[in-house]
């Protein structure tokens, strides 16, 4: 049986999965060095807080928890931290994301949907802007990501987001395939949720 036929739903990660992360990171690193050096301390701390929030038993919008923890650590206002993170991590990367999208995978997802497969995007960051940049918003029946309706309250590898996506699709977790680029987060969340996993490199 083909992979598409073996599963009723595909749950897909975004960053590093639907586009190649390394060239986007290099391009954005150059932009920050040239134009955003005054925001560098906020961005570095914000990224560090992602892993802290991932490891802590906290509930709430993970993105806003990162904002609050970063603001507290650096003595900045939450408004400034949020605006900086959204500008440099969600908005400016859009042009690079579109250049480095993984076309074969996006085509696979489209073909899977054409055969009746259900699809969900499960991300640890707000996703709509990046999906629009990829031209992929129409490829997903459900989006489970911070800042979205029905957002997860815990980050991967906690299974809450993946299980929420499966429930929204009306598909049992055992009939879901999680697709992602990280074994420690995407692979582990699939294991924790009782789903199969496919690694994207």
N, C-alpha and C. Protein backbone atom coordinates (compact mmCIF):
# COMPACT_ATOMS: atom_id res chain seq x y z
N UNK A 1 0.85 -1.20 0.00
CA UNK A 1 0.00 0.00 0.00
C UNK A 1 0.88 1.24 0.00
N UNK A 2 0.51 2.26 -0.76
CA UNK A 2 1.30 3.49 -0.81
C UNK A 2 1.17 4.24 0.50
N UNK A 3 2.14 5.13 0.74
CA UNK A 3 2.10 5.90 1.99
C UNK A 3 0.82 6.71 2.09
N UNK A 4 0.40 7.32 0.96
CA UNK A 4 -0.82 8.10 0.99
C UNK A 4 -2.03 7.26 1.34
N UNK A 5 -2.10 6.02 0.79
CA UNK A 5 -3.23 5.16 1.05
C UNK A 5 -3.22 4.55 2.43
N UNK A 6 -2.07 4.52 3.08
CA UNK A 6 -1.96 3.91 4.40
C UNK A 6 -2.52 4.79 5.50
N UNK A 7 -2.69 6.07 5.24
CA UNK A 7 -3.11 7.02 6.26
C UNK A 7 -4.27 7.87 5.76
N UNK A 8 -5.15 8.21 6.67
CA UNK A 8 -6.29 9.05 6.32
C UNK A 8 -5.94 10.52 6.41
N UNK A 9 -4.89 10.85 7.20
CA UNK A 9 -4.53 12.26 7.40
C UNK A 9 -3.02 12.41 7.51
N UNK A 10 -2.53 13.51 6.98
CA UNK A 10 -1.14 13.92 7.16
C UNK A 10 -1.12 15.17 8.02
N UNK A 11 -0.30 15.14 9.06
CA UNK A 11 -0.08 16.30 9.92
C UNK A 11 1.33 16.79 9.64
N UNK A 12 1.46 18.02 9.20
CA UNK A 12 2.73 18.50 8.64
C UNK A 12 3.28 19.67 9.45
N UNK A 13 4.56 19.58 9.78
CA UNK A 13 5.28 20.68 10.41
C UNK A 13 5.53 21.76 9.34
N UNK A 14 5.87 22.96 9.78
CA UNK A 14 6.11 24.06 8.84
C UNK A 14 7.59 24.38 8.67
N UNK A 15 8.22 24.96 9.69
CA UNK A 15 9.59 25.45 9.56
C UNK A 15 10.58 24.31 9.40
N UNK A 16 11.33 24.35 8.29
CA UNK A 16 12.29 23.30 8.01
C UNK A 16 11.69 22.12 7.29
N UNK A 17 10.38 22.06 7.21
CA UNK A 17 9.69 20.95 6.55
C UNK A 17 9.12 21.39 5.20
N UNK A 18 8.31 22.44 5.21
CA UNK A 18 7.74 22.94 3.96
C UNK A 18 8.71 23.84 3.20
N UNK A 19 9.76 24.27 3.85
CA UNK A 19 10.83 25.01 3.17
C UNK A 19 12.15 24.64 3.82
N UNK A 20 13.23 24.81 3.07
CA UNK A 20 14.57 24.50 3.59
C UNK A 20 14.98 25.59 4.55
N UNK A 21 15.23 25.23 5.80
CA UNK A 21 15.46 26.22 6.84
C UNK A 21 16.83 26.89 6.74
N UNK A 22 17.87 26.13 6.41
CA UNK A 22 19.23 26.66 6.49
C UNK A 22 19.46 27.88 5.60
N UNK A 23 19.11 27.85 4.31
CA UNK A 23 19.33 29.06 3.50
C UNK A 23 18.51 30.26 3.95
N UNK A 24 17.31 30.00 4.49
CA UNK A 24 16.50 31.10 5.01
C UNK A 24 17.16 31.70 6.25
N UNK A 25 17.68 30.84 7.11
CA UNK A 25 18.38 31.33 8.31
C UNK A 25 19.61 32.14 7.94
N UNK A 26 20.36 31.70 6.94
CA UNK A 26 21.55 32.43 6.51
C UNK A 26 21.17 33.81 5.95
N UNK A 27 20.15 33.83 5.12
CA UNK A 27 19.71 35.10 4.54
C UNK A 27 19.21 36.06 5.61
N UNK A 28 18.44 35.55 6.55
CA UNK A 28 17.92 36.40 7.60
C UNK A 28 19.03 36.83 8.56
N UNK A 29 20.02 35.97 8.78
CA UNK A 29 21.16 36.36 9.60
C UNK A 29 21.88 37.55 9.02
N UNK A 30 22.04 37.55 7.69
CA UNK A 30 22.69 38.68 7.01
C UNK A 30 21.84 39.94 7.13
N UNK A 31 20.52 39.80 6.99
CA UNK A 31 19.64 40.97 7.11
C UNK A 31 19.70 41.56 8.51
N UNK A 32 19.66 40.69 9.51
CA UNK A 32 19.70 41.18 10.90
C UNK A 32 21.03 41.88 11.16
N UNK A 33 22.13 41.30 10.67
CA UNK A 33 23.45 41.91 10.89
C UNK A 33 23.55 43.28 10.25
N UNK A 34 22.93 43.45 9.08
CA UNK A 34 23.01 44.72 8.36
C UNK A 34 21.99 45.75 8.84
N UNK A 35 20.77 45.28 9.11
CA UNK A 35 19.67 46.21 9.33
C UNK A 35 19.01 46.11 10.70
N UNK A 36 19.25 45.00 11.39
CA UNK A 36 18.51 44.79 12.62
C UNK A 36 19.37 44.54 13.84
N UNK A 37 20.60 45.06 13.81
CA UNK A 37 21.52 44.77 14.92
C UNK A 37 20.96 45.25 16.25
N UNK A 38 20.16 46.31 16.25
CA UNK A 38 19.60 46.81 17.51
C UNK A 38 18.56 45.86 18.10
N UNK A 39 18.08 44.93 17.26
CA UNK A 39 17.09 43.95 17.73
C UNK A 39 17.71 42.60 18.07
N UNK A 40 19.02 42.49 17.89
CA UNK A 40 19.68 41.20 17.99
C UNK A 40 19.52 40.56 19.37
N UNK A 41 19.66 41.34 20.44
CA UNK A 41 19.56 40.76 21.78
C UNK A 41 18.15 40.20 22.03
N UNK A 42 17.14 40.89 21.54
CA UNK A 42 15.77 40.41 21.70
C UNK A 42 15.57 39.11 20.93
N UNK A 43 16.06 39.07 19.70
CA UNK A 43 15.87 37.88 18.87
C UNK A 43 16.59 36.67 19.45
N UNK A 44 17.80 36.89 19.92
CA UNK A 44 18.55 35.77 20.52
C UNK A 44 17.83 35.22 21.74
N UNK A 45 17.41 36.13 22.61
CA UNK A 45 16.73 35.69 23.82
C UNK A 45 15.40 35.02 23.50
N UNK A 46 14.69 35.55 22.51
CA UNK A 46 13.40 34.98 22.12
C UNK A 46 13.58 33.54 21.65
N UNK A 47 14.62 33.28 20.87
CA UNK A 47 14.89 31.91 20.42
C UNK A 47 15.23 31.00 21.59
N UNK A 48 16.01 31.51 22.53
CA UNK A 48 16.35 30.72 23.72
C UNK A 48 15.09 30.35 24.51
N UNK A 49 14.17 31.30 24.58
CA UNK A 49 12.96 31.06 25.35
C UNK A 49 12.06 30.01 24.70
N UNK A 50 12.19 29.80 23.39
CA UNK A 50 11.43 28.74 22.74
C UNK A 50 11.74 27.40 23.39
N UNK A 51 13.02 27.12 23.57
CA UNK A 51 13.40 25.84 24.17
C UNK A 51 13.02 25.78 25.65
N UNK A 52 13.07 26.92 26.36
CA UNK A 52 12.63 26.93 27.74
C UNK A 52 11.13 26.64 27.85
N UNK A 53 10.35 27.31 27.01
CA UNK A 53 8.90 27.10 27.02
C UNK A 53 8.58 25.66 26.62
N UNK A 54 9.34 25.11 25.67
CA UNK A 54 9.12 23.73 25.24
C UNK A 54 9.31 22.74 26.40
N UNK A 55 10.29 23.03 27.26
CA UNK A 55 10.64 22.08 28.32
C UNK A 55 9.84 22.27 29.60
N UNK A 56 9.14 23.39 29.72
CA UNK A 56 8.42 23.69 30.97
C UNK A 56 6.98 23.22 30.91
N UNK A 57 6.44 22.90 32.05
CA UNK A 57 5.06 22.45 32.15
C UNK A 57 4.15 23.67 32.31
N UNK A 58 4.13 24.50 31.26
CA UNK A 58 3.33 25.72 31.28
C UNK A 58 2.22 25.61 30.24
N UNK A 59 1.09 26.21 30.52
CA UNK A 59 0.01 26.23 29.55
C UNK A 59 -0.35 27.67 29.24
N UNK A 60 -0.75 27.90 28.00
CA UNK A 60 -1.07 29.23 27.51
C UNK A 60 -0.57 29.32 26.08
N UNK A 61 -0.77 30.45 25.43
CA UNK A 61 -0.26 30.62 24.07
C UNK A 61 1.27 30.61 24.12
N UNK A 62 1.92 29.60 23.53
CA UNK A 62 3.38 29.50 23.64
C UNK A 62 4.12 30.73 23.11
N UNK A 63 3.60 31.32 22.04
CA UNK A 63 4.25 32.49 21.47
C UNK A 63 4.24 33.65 22.46
N UNK A 64 3.10 33.87 23.10
CA UNK A 64 3.00 34.97 24.05
C UNK A 64 3.78 34.67 25.34
N UNK A 65 3.91 33.40 25.70
CA UNK A 65 4.77 33.05 26.83
C UNK A 65 6.22 33.41 26.52
N UNK A 66 6.67 33.13 25.29
CA UNK A 66 8.01 33.53 24.89
C UNK A 66 8.18 35.04 24.96
N UNK A 67 7.18 35.75 24.49
CA UNK A 67 7.22 37.21 24.54
C UNK A 67 7.37 37.69 25.97
N UNK A 68 6.53 37.17 26.87
CA UNK A 68 6.55 37.62 28.27
C UNK A 68 7.87 37.29 28.95
N UNK A 69 8.39 36.08 28.71
CA UNK A 69 9.64 35.67 29.35
C UNK A 69 10.82 36.48 28.80
N UNK A 70 10.81 36.77 27.51
CA UNK A 70 11.89 37.56 26.91
C UNK A 70 11.85 38.99 27.45
N UNK A 71 10.66 39.58 27.49
CA UNK A 71 10.52 40.94 28.01
C UNK A 71 11.01 41.03 29.45
N UNK A 72 10.64 40.06 30.26
CA UNK A 72 11.04 40.05 31.67
C UNK A 72 12.55 39.92 31.81
N UNK A 73 13.16 39.04 31.01
CA UNK A 73 14.60 38.79 31.11
C UNK A 73 15.42 40.00 30.67
N UNK A 74 14.92 40.74 29.69
CA UNK A 74 15.69 41.85 29.12
C UNK A 74 15.23 43.22 29.60
N UNK A 75 14.19 43.28 30.42
CA UNK A 75 13.69 44.57 30.87
C UNK A 75 13.06 45.38 29.75
N UNK A 76 12.46 44.69 28.78
CA UNK A 76 11.79 45.35 27.66
C UNK A 76 10.27 45.26 27.86
N UNK A 77 9.53 46.04 27.12
CA UNK A 77 8.08 45.91 27.17
C UNK A 77 7.65 44.73 26.31
N UNK A 78 6.62 44.00 26.73
CA UNK A 78 6.11 42.92 25.89
C UNK A 78 5.73 43.38 24.49
N UNK A 79 5.21 44.61 24.37
CA UNK A 79 4.82 45.12 23.06
C UNK A 79 6.02 45.22 22.12
N UNK A 80 7.15 45.71 22.64
CA UNK A 80 8.34 45.82 21.79
C UNK A 80 8.87 44.45 21.40
N UNK A 81 8.89 43.52 22.36
CA UNK A 81 9.38 42.18 22.06
C UNK A 81 8.49 41.51 21.01
N UNK A 82 7.17 41.61 21.18
CA UNK A 82 6.27 40.99 20.22
C UNK A 82 6.43 41.60 18.83
N UNK A 83 6.50 42.92 18.75
CA UNK A 83 6.65 43.58 17.46
C UNK A 83 7.97 43.17 16.79
N UNK A 84 9.04 43.09 17.57
CA UNK A 84 10.35 42.70 17.02
C UNK A 84 10.31 41.27 16.51
N UNK A 85 9.75 40.36 17.31
CA UNK A 85 9.69 38.96 16.90
C UNK A 85 8.83 38.79 15.65
N UNK A 86 7.69 39.44 15.62
CA UNK A 86 6.82 39.30 14.45
C UNK A 86 7.49 39.86 13.20
N UNK A 87 8.17 41.00 13.33
CA UNK A 87 8.80 41.62 12.17
C UNK A 87 9.92 40.76 11.60
N UNK A 88 10.84 40.33 12.49
CA UNK A 88 12.04 39.63 12.02
C UNK A 88 11.87 38.13 11.85
N UNK A 89 10.89 37.54 12.52
CA UNK A 89 10.76 36.09 12.47
C UNK A 89 9.55 35.60 11.68
N UNK A 90 8.56 36.48 11.48
CA UNK A 90 7.35 36.06 10.77
C UNK A 90 7.12 36.82 9.48
N UNK A 91 7.48 38.11 9.44
CA UNK A 91 7.18 38.93 8.28
C UNK A 91 8.33 39.00 7.28
N UNK A 92 9.50 39.43 7.73
CA UNK A 92 10.62 39.61 6.81
C UNK A 92 11.10 38.32 6.14
N UNK A 93 11.02 37.17 6.81
CA UNK A 93 11.49 35.95 6.13
C UNK A 93 10.63 35.51 4.95
N UNK A 94 9.46 36.11 4.77
CA UNK A 94 8.51 35.61 3.77
C UNK A 94 9.11 35.51 2.37
N UNK A 95 9.88 36.51 1.97
CA UNK A 95 10.43 36.48 0.61
C UNK A 95 11.43 35.35 0.43
N UNK A 96 12.16 35.02 1.48
CA UNK A 96 13.13 33.92 1.40
C UNK A 96 12.43 32.57 1.47
N UNK A 97 11.41 32.49 2.29
CA UNK A 97 10.67 31.23 2.42
C UNK A 97 10.10 30.81 1.07
N UNK A 98 9.56 31.77 0.32
CA UNK A 98 8.97 31.43 -0.97
C UNK A 98 10.03 30.92 -1.95
N UNK A 99 11.26 31.41 -1.83
CA UNK A 99 12.34 30.96 -2.72
C UNK A 99 12.81 29.55 -2.42
N UNK A 100 12.72 29.15 -1.15
CA UNK A 100 13.29 27.87 -0.74
C UNK A 100 12.23 26.86 -0.32
N UNK A 101 11.01 27.01 -0.84
CA UNK A 101 9.97 26.04 -0.51
C UNK A 101 10.31 24.67 -1.10
N UNK A 102 9.85 23.65 -0.43
CA UNK A 102 10.08 22.28 -0.89
C UNK A 102 8.94 21.89 -1.85
N UNK A 103 9.16 22.18 -3.11
CA UNK A 103 8.10 21.96 -4.11
C UNK A 103 7.64 20.51 -4.18
N UNK A 104 8.57 19.51 -4.18
CA UNK A 104 8.10 18.12 -4.26
C UNK A 104 7.16 17.73 -3.12
N UNK A 105 7.47 18.18 -1.91
CA UNK A 105 6.60 17.86 -0.78
C UNK A 105 5.26 18.56 -0.91
N UNK A 106 5.27 19.82 -1.31
CA UNK A 106 4.02 20.55 -1.49
C UNK A 106 3.16 19.88 -2.56
N UNK A 107 3.80 19.38 -3.63
CA UNK A 107 3.07 18.66 -4.67
C UNK A 107 2.50 17.35 -4.13
N UNK A 108 3.26 16.66 -3.27
CA UNK A 108 2.78 15.43 -2.65
C UNK A 108 1.54 15.68 -1.81
N UNK A 109 1.58 16.76 -1.05
CA UNK A 109 0.44 17.09 -0.20
C UNK A 109 -0.79 17.36 -1.05
N UNK A 110 -0.59 18.09 -2.14
CA UNK A 110 -1.71 18.38 -3.04
C UNK A 110 -2.28 17.09 -3.63
N UNK A 111 -1.40 16.17 -4.04
CA UNK A 111 -1.86 14.90 -4.61
C UNK A 111 -2.60 14.06 -3.56
N UNK A 112 -2.08 14.06 -2.33
CA UNK A 112 -2.74 13.33 -1.24
C UNK A 112 -4.14 13.85 -1.01
N UNK A 113 -4.29 15.17 -1.03
CA UNK A 113 -5.62 15.76 -0.85
C UNK A 113 -6.54 15.41 -2.01
N UNK A 114 -5.99 15.32 -3.21
CA UNK A 114 -6.80 15.01 -4.39
C UNK A 114 -7.40 13.61 -4.31
N UNK A 115 -6.76 12.72 -3.53
CA UNK A 115 -7.27 11.36 -3.36
C UNK A 115 -8.17 11.23 -2.13
N UNK A 116 -8.49 12.34 -1.50
CA UNK A 116 -9.39 12.33 -0.35
C UNK A 116 -8.71 12.42 1.00
N UNK A 117 -7.39 12.56 1.02
CA UNK A 117 -6.66 12.68 2.27
C UNK A 117 -6.95 14.00 2.97
N UNK A 118 -6.94 13.97 4.29
CA UNK A 118 -7.12 15.17 5.08
C UNK A 118 -5.76 15.66 5.53
N UNK A 119 -5.61 16.97 5.71
CA UNK A 119 -4.31 17.53 6.07
C UNK A 119 -4.44 18.60 7.14
N UNK A 120 -3.43 18.65 8.01
CA UNK A 120 -3.36 19.69 9.04
C UNK A 120 -1.92 20.17 9.14
N UNK A 121 -1.76 21.43 9.41
CA UNK A 121 -0.45 21.99 9.71
C UNK A 121 -0.34 22.10 11.22
N UNK A 122 0.77 21.60 11.79
CA UNK A 122 0.99 21.65 13.23
C UNK A 122 2.34 22.30 13.47
N UNK A 123 2.33 23.53 13.99
CA UNK A 123 3.54 24.32 14.11
C UNK A 123 3.69 24.89 15.52
N UNK A 124 4.93 25.20 15.88
CA UNK A 124 5.21 25.84 17.17
C UNK A 124 5.26 27.37 17.07
N UNK A 125 5.05 27.91 15.86
CA UNK A 125 5.05 29.35 15.65
C UNK A 125 3.79 29.76 14.88
N UNK A 126 3.35 31.02 14.99
CA UNK A 126 2.26 31.48 14.15
C UNK A 126 2.55 31.16 12.69
N UNK A 127 1.54 30.66 11.98
CA UNK A 127 1.81 30.03 10.68
C UNK A 127 1.21 30.73 9.47
N UNK A 128 0.17 31.50 9.64
CA UNK A 128 -0.58 31.99 8.47
C UNK A 128 0.29 32.78 7.50
N UNK A 129 1.12 33.69 8.02
CA UNK A 129 1.93 34.54 7.13
C UNK A 129 2.89 33.68 6.29
N UNK A 130 3.50 32.68 6.91
CA UNK A 130 4.43 31.82 6.19
C UNK A 130 3.70 30.94 5.18
N UNK A 131 2.52 30.45 5.54
CA UNK A 131 1.75 29.66 4.58
C UNK A 131 1.38 30.48 3.35
N UNK A 132 1.03 31.74 3.57
CA UNK A 132 0.72 32.62 2.45
C UNK A 132 1.94 32.83 1.57
N UNK A 133 3.11 33.01 2.19
CA UNK A 133 4.34 33.19 1.43
C UNK A 133 4.67 31.95 0.59
N UNK A 134 4.33 30.78 1.12
CA UNK A 134 4.58 29.52 0.41
C UNK A 134 3.50 29.25 -0.65
N UNK A 135 2.43 30.00 -0.63
CA UNK A 135 1.31 29.71 -1.52
C UNK A 135 0.64 28.41 -1.15
N UNK A 136 0.64 28.07 0.16
CA UNK A 136 0.21 26.75 0.59
C UNK A 136 -0.98 26.78 1.56
N UNK A 137 -1.57 27.93 1.78
CA UNK A 137 -2.66 28.01 2.76
C UNK A 137 -3.81 27.09 2.40
N UNK A 138 -4.05 26.90 1.10
CA UNK A 138 -5.18 26.09 0.66
C UNK A 138 -4.91 24.59 0.78
N UNK A 139 -3.70 24.21 1.15
CA UNK A 139 -3.36 22.80 1.24
C UNK A 139 -3.72 22.17 2.58
N UNK A 140 -4.24 22.96 3.52
CA UNK A 140 -4.48 22.43 4.86
C UNK A 140 -5.92 22.70 5.30
N UNK A 141 -6.57 21.62 5.75
CA UNK A 141 -7.93 21.74 6.28
C UNK A 141 -7.93 22.40 7.64
N UNK A 142 -6.87 22.19 8.41
CA UNK A 142 -6.78 22.66 9.78
C UNK A 142 -5.38 23.22 10.01
N UNK A 143 -5.29 24.32 10.75
CA UNK A 143 -4.00 24.87 11.18
C UNK A 143 -4.00 24.92 12.70
N UNK A 144 -3.05 24.21 13.32
CA UNK A 144 -2.90 24.23 14.77
C UNK A 144 -1.55 24.87 15.06
N UNK A 145 -1.59 26.11 15.50
CA UNK A 145 -0.36 26.88 15.72
C UNK A 145 -0.67 28.02 16.67
N UNK A 146 0.34 28.49 17.42
CA UNK A 146 0.14 29.66 18.28
C UNK A 146 -0.45 30.82 17.47
N UNK A 147 -1.35 31.55 18.10
CA UNK A 147 -1.96 32.69 17.42
C UNK A 147 -3.14 32.32 16.53
N UNK A 148 -3.46 31.02 16.43
CA UNK A 148 -4.59 30.58 15.62
C UNK A 148 -5.73 30.15 16.54
N UNK A 149 -6.95 30.13 16.02
CA UNK A 149 -8.08 29.61 16.77
C UNK A 149 -7.82 28.14 17.08
N UNK A 150 -7.98 27.74 18.33
CA UNK A 150 -7.69 26.36 18.71
C UNK A 150 -6.20 26.09 18.81
N UNK A 151 -5.42 27.10 19.16
CA UNK A 151 -3.96 26.96 19.25
C UNK A 151 -3.58 25.97 20.34
N UNK A 152 -2.42 25.31 20.18
CA UNK A 152 -1.95 24.42 21.23
C UNK A 152 -1.53 25.22 22.46
N UNK A 153 -1.62 24.60 23.63
CA UNK A 153 -1.19 25.27 24.85
C UNK A 153 0.18 24.77 25.30
N UNK A 154 0.71 23.78 24.61
CA UNK A 154 2.05 23.27 24.87
C UNK A 154 2.76 23.06 23.53
N UNK A 155 4.07 23.22 23.52
CA UNK A 155 4.85 23.02 22.32
C UNK A 155 5.22 21.55 22.15
N UNK A 156 5.63 21.18 20.94
CA UNK A 156 6.16 19.84 20.70
C UNK A 156 7.38 19.63 21.60
N UNK A 157 7.61 18.43 22.11
CA UNK A 157 6.97 17.16 21.72
C UNK A 157 5.72 16.79 22.51
N UNK A 158 5.15 17.73 23.26
CA UNK A 158 3.86 17.44 23.89
C UNK A 158 2.86 17.12 22.77
N UNK A 159 2.04 16.07 22.95
CA UNK A 159 1.18 15.64 21.85
C UNK A 159 -0.10 16.44 21.67
N UNK A 160 -0.33 17.44 22.53
CA UNK A 160 -1.61 18.15 22.50
C UNK A 160 -1.96 18.74 21.15
N UNK A 161 -1.00 19.41 20.50
CA UNK A 161 -1.29 20.03 19.21
C UNK A 161 -1.63 19.01 18.14
N UNK A 162 -0.87 17.91 18.08
CA UNK A 162 -1.12 16.88 17.08
C UNK A 162 -2.47 16.20 17.33
N UNK A 163 -2.78 15.92 18.59
CA UNK A 163 -4.05 15.29 18.91
C UNK A 163 -5.22 16.23 18.62
N UNK A 164 -5.01 17.51 18.85
CA UNK A 164 -6.06 18.49 18.54
C UNK A 164 -6.31 18.53 17.03
N UNK A 165 -5.23 18.47 16.26
CA UNK A 165 -5.37 18.46 14.79
C UNK A 165 -6.12 17.22 14.33
N UNK A 166 -5.75 16.06 14.85
CA UNK A 166 -6.43 14.82 14.46
C UNK A 166 -7.92 14.88 14.79
N UNK A 167 -8.24 15.38 15.98
CA UNK A 167 -9.65 15.49 16.38
C UNK A 167 -10.41 16.45 15.46
N UNK A 168 -9.77 17.56 15.11
CA UNK A 168 -10.43 18.53 14.23
C UNK A 168 -10.67 17.93 12.84
N UNK A 169 -9.78 17.04 12.40
CA UNK A 169 -9.94 16.38 11.11
C UNK A 169 -10.91 15.21 11.18
N UNK A 170 -11.21 14.76 12.40
CA UNK A 170 -12.08 13.60 12.56
C UNK A 170 -11.40 12.29 12.21
N UNK A 171 -10.09 12.22 12.48
CA UNK A 171 -9.30 11.03 12.12
C UNK A 171 -8.63 10.49 13.38
N UNK A 172 -8.71 9.18 13.58
CA UNK A 172 -8.04 8.57 14.72
C UNK A 172 -6.53 8.75 14.60
N UNK A 173 -5.83 9.02 15.70
CA UNK A 173 -4.37 9.22 15.64
C UNK A 173 -3.62 8.08 14.97
N UNK A 174 -4.11 6.85 15.11
CA UNK A 174 -3.43 5.70 14.51
C UNK A 174 -3.46 5.74 12.99
N UNK A 175 -4.32 6.56 12.42
CA UNK A 175 -4.42 6.68 10.96
C UNK A 175 -3.83 8.00 10.46
N UNK A 176 -3.01 8.63 11.33
CA UNK A 176 -2.35 9.88 10.97
C UNK A 176 -0.85 9.67 10.75
N UNK A 177 -0.29 10.39 9.79
CA UNK A 177 1.14 10.42 9.55
C UNK A 177 1.64 11.82 9.87
N UNK A 178 2.59 11.92 10.80
CA UNK A 178 3.23 13.20 11.10
C UNK A 178 4.45 13.35 10.21
N UNK A 179 4.59 14.50 9.56
CA UNK A 179 5.71 14.77 8.66
C UNK A 179 6.47 15.96 9.21
N UNK A 180 7.78 15.79 9.47
CA UNK A 180 8.57 16.89 10.01
C UNK A 180 10.05 16.69 9.80
N UNK A 181 10.82 17.70 10.19
CA UNK A 181 12.27 17.68 9.93
C UNK A 181 13.10 17.43 11.18
N UNK A 182 12.46 17.28 12.35
CA UNK A 182 13.22 17.08 13.59
C UNK A 182 12.72 15.85 14.33
N UNK A 183 13.65 14.93 14.60
CA UNK A 183 13.29 13.73 15.36
C UNK A 183 12.94 14.08 16.80
N UNK A 184 13.64 15.08 17.36
CA UNK A 184 13.45 15.38 18.78
C UNK A 184 12.14 16.11 19.07
N UNK A 185 11.54 16.71 18.08
CA UNK A 185 10.26 17.39 18.30
C UNK A 185 9.15 16.72 17.47
N UNK A 186 9.26 16.74 16.16
CA UNK A 186 8.21 16.16 15.31
C UNK A 186 8.13 14.65 15.47
N UNK A 187 9.29 13.98 15.48
CA UNK A 187 9.29 12.54 15.65
C UNK A 187 8.76 12.13 17.01
N UNK A 188 9.18 12.87 18.02
CA UNK A 188 8.75 12.54 19.39
C UNK A 188 7.27 12.84 19.59
N UNK A 189 6.78 13.91 18.99
CA UNK A 189 5.35 14.21 19.16
C UNK A 189 4.51 13.13 18.49
N UNK A 190 4.98 12.61 17.35
CA UNK A 190 4.27 11.51 16.69
C UNK A 190 4.23 10.29 17.61
N UNK A 191 5.37 9.97 18.20
CA UNK A 191 5.43 8.84 19.14
C UNK A 191 4.49 9.06 20.31
N UNK A 192 4.51 10.25 20.87
CA UNK A 192 3.67 10.56 22.04
C UNK A 192 2.18 10.54 21.71
N UNK A 193 1.85 10.83 20.44
CA UNK A 193 0.44 10.89 20.04
C UNK A 193 -0.05 9.59 19.43
N UNK A 194 0.83 8.59 19.28
CA UNK A 194 0.44 7.32 18.69
C UNK A 194 0.27 7.39 17.19
N UNK A 195 1.13 8.19 16.54
CA UNK A 195 1.08 8.38 15.09
C UNK A 195 2.34 7.86 14.42
N UNK A 196 2.27 7.60 13.14
CA UNK A 196 3.46 7.28 12.36
C UNK A 196 4.22 8.56 12.08
N UNK A 197 5.47 8.41 11.67
CA UNK A 197 6.31 9.59 11.42
C UNK A 197 7.14 9.41 10.15
N UNK A 198 7.27 10.51 9.43
CA UNK A 198 8.14 10.57 8.24
C UNK A 198 9.08 11.76 8.40
N UNK A 199 10.36 11.49 8.32
CA UNK A 199 11.38 12.53 8.46
C UNK A 199 11.68 13.17 7.12
N UNK A 200 11.68 14.49 7.10
CA UNK A 200 12.06 15.26 5.91
C UNK A 200 13.45 15.82 6.13
N UNK A 201 14.34 15.62 5.20
CA UNK A 201 15.72 16.13 5.31
C UNK A 201 15.98 17.16 4.23
